[in-house]
Amino acid sequence: MDLKAARQIAGFTQSELADRVGVDVSFISLLESGKRDINTAGYALVMRLALALGVKPHQIGALPWRALRRRTLRTRRQSA
């Protein structure tokens, strides 16, 4: 299952999902089209998406949560 399939199963439009997780609808579109890697979106956003859709993060294409969290923390340290 990917993000688009999970969203459709949950019965949300891209706009509804974007509102629920606090991002722009264009960002959801980029994630679904593969133009933006969900693993670069950050741990908190991936968790909000998964919770809104009622799935586990790996079911929408995210890395296992430990790897995703480490990746997010490493990115923050590098940009600081």
C-alpha atoms as a PDB file:
ATOM      1  CA  MET A   1       0.000   0.000   0.000  1.00  0.00           C
ATOM      2  CA  ASP A   2       1.225   3.510  -0.658  1.00  0.00           C
ATOM      3  CA  LEU A   3       0.092   6.938   0.526  1.00  0.00           C
ATOM      4  CA  LYS A   4      -2.461   7.409  -2.257  1.00  0.00           C
ATOM      5  CA  ALA A   5      -4.027   3.980  -1.709  1.00  0.00           C
ATOM      6  CA  ALA A   6      -4.180   4.536   2.064  1.00  0.00           C
ATOM      7  CA  ARG A   7      -5.796   7.939   1.536  1.00  0.00           C
ATOM      8  CA  GLN A   8      -8.384   6.517  -0.840  1.00  0.00           C
ATOM      9  CA  ILE A   9      -9.182   3.613   1.492  1.00  0.00           C
ATOM     10  CA  ALA A  10      -9.627   6.099   4.346  1.00  0.00           C
ATOM     11  CA  GLY A  11     -12.029   8.056   2.132  1.00  0.00           C
ATOM     12  CA  PHE A  12     -10.148  11.368   2.116  1.00  0.00           C
ATOM     13  CA  THR A  13      -9.463  13.730  -0.723  1.00  0.00           C
ATOM     14  CA  GLN A  14      -5.963  15.191  -0.954  1.00  0.00           C
ATOM     15  CA  SER A  15      -7.367  18.451   0.381  1.00  0.00           C
ATOM     16  CA  GLU A  16      -9.015  16.793   3.395  1.00  0.00           C
ATOM     17  CA  LEU A  17      -5.834  14.911   4.278  1.00  0.00           C
ATOM     18  CA  ALA A  18      -3.744  18.053   3.896  1.00  0.00           C
ATOM     19  CA  ASP A  19      -6.074  19.916   6.273  1.00  0.00           C
ATOM     20  CA  ARG A  20      -5.933  17.096   8.828  1.00  0.00           C
ATOM     21  CA  VAL A  21      -2.128  17.016   8.951  1.00  0.00           C
ATOM     22  CA  GLY A  22      -1.502  20.741   8.475  1.00  0.00           C
ATOM     23  CA  VAL A  23       0.218  20.878   5.094  1.00  0.00           C
ATOM     24  CA  ASP A  24      -0.615  22.318   1.696  1.00  0.00           C
ATOM     25  CA  VAL A  25      -2.516  20.096  -0.727  1.00  0.00           C
ATOM     26  CA  SER A  26       0.325  20.469  -3.236  1.00  0.00           C
ATOM     27  CA  PHE A  27       2.649  18.761  -0.739  1.00  0.00           C
ATOM     28  CA  ILE A  28       0.326  15.731  -0.533  1.00  0.00           C
ATOM     29  CA  SER A  29       0.275  15.660  -4.327  1.00  0.00           C
ATOM     30  CA  LEU A  30       4.087  15.689  -4.469  1.00  0.00           C
ATOM     31  CA  LEU A  31       4.281  12.819  -1.977  1.00  0.00           C
ATOM     32  CA  GLU A  32       1.713  10.739  -3.849  1.00  0.00           C
ATOM     33  CA  SER A  33       3.339  11.300  -7.230  1.00  0.00           C
ATOM     34  CA  GLY A  34       6.770  10.341  -5.924  1.00  0.00           C
ATOM     35  CA  LYS A  35       8.246  13.755  -6.699  1.00  0.00           C
ATOM     36  CA  ARG A  36       8.922  14.146  -2.976  1.00  0.00           C
ATOM     37  CA  ASP A  37      10.210  11.242  -0.892  1.00  0.00           C
ATOM     38  CA  ILE A  38       8.036  10.660   2.165  1.00  0.00           C
ATOM     39  CA  ASN A  39      11.174   9.844   4.153  1.00  0.00           C
ATOM     40  CA  THR A  40      12.455  13.395   3.703  1.00  0.00           C
ATOM     41  CA  ALA A  41       9.214  14.849   5.064  1.00  0.00           C
ATOM     42  CA  GLY A  42      10.278  14.373   8.676  1.00  0.00           C
ATOM     43  CA  TYR A  43       9.303  12.042  11.473  1.00  0.00           C
ATOM     44  CA  ALA A  44       6.493  14.197  12.897  1.00  0.00           C
ATOM     45  CA  LEU A  45       4.739  14.636   9.556  1.00  0.00           C
ATOM     46  CA  VAL A  46       4.988  10.950   8.683  1.00  0.00           C
ATOM     47  CA  MET A  47       3.465  10.104  12.053  1.00  0.00           C
ATOM     48  CA  ARG A  48       0.635  12.647  11.534  1.00  0.00           C
ATOM     49  CA  LEU A  49      -0.091  11.171   8.096  1.00  0.00           C
ATOM     50  CA  ALA A  50      -0.128   7.619   9.448  1.00  0.00           C
ATOM     51  CA  LEU A  51      -2.388   8.554  12.363  1.00  0.00           C
ATOM     52  CA  ALA A  52      -4.803  10.465  10.123  1.00  0.00           C
ATOM     53  CA  LEU A  53      -5.045   7.478   7.776  1.00  0.00           C
ATOM     54  CA  GLY A  54      -5.219   4.856  10.518  1.00  0.00           C
ATOM     55  CA  VAL A  55      -2.161   2.966   9.250  1.00  0.00           C
ATOM     56  CA  LYS A  56       1.411   2.326  10.344  1.00  0.00           C
ATOM     57  CA  PRO A  57       4.118   4.522   8.796  1.00  0.00           C
ATOM     58  CA  HIS A  58       5.672   1.675   6.809  1.00  0.00           C
ATOM     59  CA  GLN A  59       2.297   1.084   5.138  1.00  0.00           C
ATOM     60  CA  ILE A  60       2.554   4.471   3.433  1.00  0.00           C
ATOM     61  CA  GLY A  61       6.115   3.950   2.279  1.00  0.00           C
ATOM     62  CA  ALA A  62       8.049   5.333   5.237  1.00  0.00           C
ATOM     63  CA  LEU A  63      11.163   3.773   6.667  1.00  0.00           C
ATOM     64  CA  PRO A  64      10.774   1.887   9.944  1.00  0.00           C
ATOM     65  CA  TRP A  65      10.193   4.513  12.634  1.00  0.00           C
ATOM     66  CA  ARG A  66      13.611   4.135  14.292  1.00  0.00           C
ATOM     67  CA  ALA A  67      15.460   4.690  11.021  1.00  0.00           C
ATOM     68  CA  LEU A  68      13.160   7.554  10.084  1.00  0.00           C
ATOM     69  CA  ARG A  69      13.638   9.237  13.458  1.00  0.00           C
ATOM     70  CA  ARG A  70      17.438   8.860  13.268  1.00  0.00           C
ATOM     71  CA  ARG A  71      17.404  10.309   9.756  1.00  0.00           C
ATOM     72  CA  THR A  72      15.299  13.288  10.897  1.00  0.00           C
ATOM     73  CA  LEU A  73      17.549  13.978  13.898  1.00  0.00           C
ATOM     74  CA  ARG A  74      20.699  13.724  11.769  1.00  0.00           C
ATOM     75  CA  THR A  75      19.257  16.180   9.228  1.00  0.00           C
ATOM     76  CA  ARG A  76      18.413  18.658  11.987  1.00  0.00           C
ATOM     77  CA  ARG A  77      21.932  18.468  13.437  1.00  0.00           C
ATOM     78  CA  GLN A  78      23.510  19.058  10.028  1.00  0.00           C
ATOM     79  CA  SER A  79      21.375  22.139   9.348  1.00  0.00           C
ATOM     80  CA  ALA A  80      22.056  23.668  12.787  1.00  0.00           C
END
